[in-house]
N, C-alpha and C. Protein backbone atom coordinates (compact mmCIF):
# COMPACT_ATOMS: atom_id res chain seq x y z
N MET A 1 197.98 142.09 150.53
CA MET A 1 197.62 142.26 149.15
C MET A 1 196.62 143.40 149.02
N SER A 2 196.86 144.22 148.01
CA SER A 2 195.93 145.32 147.79
C SER A 2 194.87 144.91 146.78
N ASN A 3 193.77 145.54 146.89
CA ASN A 3 192.65 145.27 146.00
C ASN A 3 192.96 145.87 144.63
N PRO A 4 192.86 145.12 143.53
CA PRO A 4 193.20 145.66 142.21
C PRO A 4 192.31 146.82 141.78
N SER A 5 191.09 146.85 142.28
CA SER A 5 190.21 147.95 141.90
C SER A 5 190.64 149.27 142.53
N GLU A 6 191.36 149.20 143.63
CA GLU A 6 191.84 150.42 144.27
C GLU A 6 193.03 151.01 143.53
N THR A 7 193.84 150.16 142.92
CA THR A 7 195.04 150.65 142.26
C THR A 7 194.77 151.14 140.84
N SER A 8 193.76 150.61 140.18
CA SER A 8 193.46 151.05 138.82
C SER A 8 192.58 152.29 138.85
N LYS A 9 192.72 153.08 137.80
CA LYS A 9 191.92 154.29 137.72
C LYS A 9 190.50 153.94 137.30
N PRO A 10 189.52 154.63 137.84
CA PRO A 10 188.14 154.33 137.44
C PRO A 10 187.88 154.79 136.00
N GLN A 11 187.04 154.05 135.30
CA GLN A 11 186.67 154.42 133.94
C GLN A 11 185.76 155.65 134.01
N ARG A 12 185.99 156.60 133.11
CA ARG A 12 185.12 157.75 133.05
C ARG A 12 184.67 157.92 131.61
N SER A 13 183.50 158.46 131.44
CA SER A 13 183.01 158.64 130.08
C SER A 13 183.61 159.91 129.49
N LEU A 14 183.66 159.94 128.18
CA LEU A 14 184.20 161.10 127.48
C LEU A 14 183.20 162.24 127.52
N SER A 15 183.69 163.43 127.71
CA SER A 15 182.82 164.58 127.58
C SER A 15 182.65 164.86 126.09
N PRO A 16 181.61 165.56 125.69
CA PRO A 16 181.40 165.83 124.26
C PRO A 16 182.57 166.54 123.60
N GLU A 17 183.32 167.34 124.34
CA GLU A 17 184.46 168.03 123.76
C GLU A 17 185.60 167.07 123.43
N GLU A 18 185.63 165.90 124.08
CA GLU A 18 186.73 164.95 123.92
C GLU A 18 186.45 163.85 122.92
N ILE A 19 185.30 163.85 122.28
CA ILE A 19 184.95 162.79 121.34
C ILE A 19 185.84 162.89 120.11
N PRO A 20 186.55 161.83 119.79
CA PRO A 20 187.39 161.87 118.59
C PRO A 20 186.53 161.81 117.32
N PHE A 21 186.95 162.50 116.28
CA PHE A 21 186.14 162.56 115.07
C PHE A 21 186.09 161.24 114.32
N HIS A 22 186.98 160.31 114.62
CA HIS A 22 186.98 159.03 113.92
C HIS A 22 186.14 157.98 114.62
N ASN A 23 185.52 158.30 115.76
CA ASN A 23 184.67 157.35 116.47
C ASN A 23 183.23 157.54 116.01
N GLN A 24 182.84 156.80 115.00
CA GLN A 24 181.55 156.99 114.35
C GLN A 24 180.38 156.59 115.25
N GLN A 25 180.55 155.59 116.08
CA GLN A 25 179.45 155.16 116.96
C GLN A 25 179.05 156.26 117.94
N LEU A 26 180.03 156.96 118.50
CA LEU A 26 179.71 158.05 119.41
C LEU A 26 179.07 159.22 118.68
N LEU A 27 179.55 159.51 117.48
CA LEU A 27 179.00 160.62 116.72
C LEU A 27 177.56 160.35 116.29
N ASN A 28 177.23 159.08 116.06
CA ASN A 28 175.86 158.75 115.66
C ASN A 28 174.85 159.02 116.75
N ARG A 29 175.28 159.13 117.98
CA ARG A 29 174.37 159.47 119.08
C ARG A 29 173.82 160.89 118.94
N PHE A 30 174.54 161.74 118.20
CA PHE A 30 174.16 163.14 118.09
C PHE A 30 173.58 163.49 116.73
N THR A 31 173.30 162.47 115.90
CA THR A 31 172.70 162.72 114.59
C THR A 31 171.47 161.84 114.41
N THR A 32 170.60 162.25 113.48
CA THR A 32 169.43 161.45 113.15
C THR A 32 169.81 160.38 112.15
N ASP A 33 168.86 159.54 111.77
CA ASP A 33 169.11 158.50 110.78
C ASP A 33 169.45 159.09 109.42
N THR A 34 168.94 160.27 109.14
CA THR A 34 169.21 160.91 107.86
C THR A 34 170.49 161.74 107.89
N GLY A 35 171.15 161.82 109.03
CA GLY A 35 172.43 162.51 109.12
C GLY A 35 172.35 163.93 109.64
N LYS A 36 171.16 164.38 110.01
CA LYS A 36 171.03 165.74 110.55
C LYS A 36 171.48 165.77 112.00
N LEU A 37 172.01 166.91 112.41
CA LEU A 37 172.43 167.08 113.80
C LEU A 37 171.22 167.21 114.71
N LEU A 38 171.29 166.59 115.87
CA LEU A 38 170.22 166.73 116.85
C LEU A 38 170.36 168.05 117.58
N ARG A 39 169.25 168.63 117.95
CA ARG A 39 169.26 169.89 118.67
C ARG A 39 169.67 169.69 120.13
N ARG A 40 170.03 170.77 120.76
CA ARG A 40 170.39 170.73 122.18
C ARG A 40 169.22 170.25 123.03
N LYS A 41 168.04 170.54 122.58
CA LYS A 41 166.83 170.13 123.29
C LYS A 41 166.80 168.61 123.49
N TYR A 42 167.30 167.87 122.50
CA TYR A 42 167.27 166.42 122.55
C TYR A 42 168.56 165.82 123.11
N THR A 43 169.69 166.47 122.86
CA THR A 43 170.96 165.93 123.34
C THR A 43 171.24 166.32 124.79
N ARG A 44 170.57 167.35 125.27
CA ARG A 44 170.73 167.83 126.65
C ARG A 44 172.17 168.26 126.93
N LEU A 45 172.83 168.86 125.92
CA LEU A 45 174.18 169.37 126.09
C LEU A 45 174.15 170.87 126.33
N SER A 46 175.22 171.39 126.90
CA SER A 46 175.34 172.84 127.04
C SER A 46 175.68 173.43 125.68
N ALA A 47 175.60 174.72 125.54
CA ALA A 47 175.89 175.38 124.26
C ALA A 47 177.34 175.12 123.85
N LYS A 48 178.25 175.18 124.80
CA LYS A 48 179.67 174.95 124.51
C LYS A 48 179.89 173.51 124.03
N GLN A 49 179.26 172.56 124.70
CA GLN A 49 179.40 171.17 124.31
C GLN A 49 178.78 170.91 122.94
N GLN A 50 177.61 171.53 122.67
CA GLN A 50 176.95 171.35 121.39
C GLN A 50 177.81 171.89 120.25
N ARG A 51 178.47 173.02 120.46
CA ARG A 51 179.36 173.57 119.44
C ARG A 51 180.52 172.62 119.17
N ALA A 52 181.06 172.04 120.24
CA ALA A 52 182.18 171.11 120.08
C ALA A 52 181.74 169.86 119.32
N VAL A 53 180.57 169.34 119.63
CA VAL A 53 180.05 168.16 118.93
C VAL A 53 179.80 168.49 117.47
N THR A 54 179.23 169.66 117.20
CA THR A 54 178.96 170.09 115.83
C THR A 54 180.24 170.18 115.02
N LYS A 55 181.27 170.78 115.60
CA LYS A 55 182.55 170.87 114.90
C LYS A 55 183.13 169.49 114.62
N THR A 56 183.02 168.60 115.59
CA THR A 56 183.56 167.25 115.43
C THR A 56 182.82 166.49 114.33
N ILE A 57 181.49 166.60 114.31
CA ILE A 57 180.70 165.92 113.29
C ILE A 57 181.01 166.48 111.90
N LYS A 58 181.13 167.79 111.81
CA LYS A 58 181.44 168.40 110.51
C LYS A 58 182.84 168.01 110.05
N ARG A 59 183.77 167.89 110.97
CA ARG A 59 185.12 167.46 110.62
C ARG A 59 185.08 166.02 110.08
N ALA A 60 184.29 165.15 110.73
CA ALA A 60 184.17 163.78 110.27
C ALA A 60 183.49 163.72 108.90
N ARG A 61 182.52 164.58 108.67
CA ARG A 61 181.86 164.62 107.37
C ARG A 61 182.83 165.06 106.28
N ASN A 62 183.68 166.00 106.58
CA ASN A 62 184.64 166.50 105.60
C ASN A 62 185.61 165.42 105.14
N ILE A 63 185.97 164.53 106.03
CA ILE A 63 186.85 163.43 105.61
C ILE A 63 186.04 162.18 105.33
N GLN A 64 184.74 162.33 105.22
CA GLN A 64 183.80 161.30 104.79
C GLN A 64 183.77 160.07 105.69
N LEU A 65 183.79 160.30 107.00
CA LEU A 65 183.65 159.19 107.93
C LEU A 65 182.21 159.02 108.41
N ALA A 66 181.44 160.10 108.36
CA ALA A 66 180.07 160.04 108.85
C ALA A 66 179.12 160.58 107.79
N LYS A 67 177.83 160.28 107.97
CA LYS A 67 176.81 160.78 107.05
C LYS A 67 176.72 162.28 107.12
């Protein structure tokens, strides 16, 4: 018998570029309580990742899913 943990793929976290715009809980990690975007200084993301997160949050705002 094989170990089931060996056959299943390990869980990996999403990179900021892969965050879906409809996942509000993940997007809230990158915004303040008032809805402002957090700076790179606080999110510790690269410039490329920060741009991707910003686009995703703005897309969610446009369809009124996030603050």
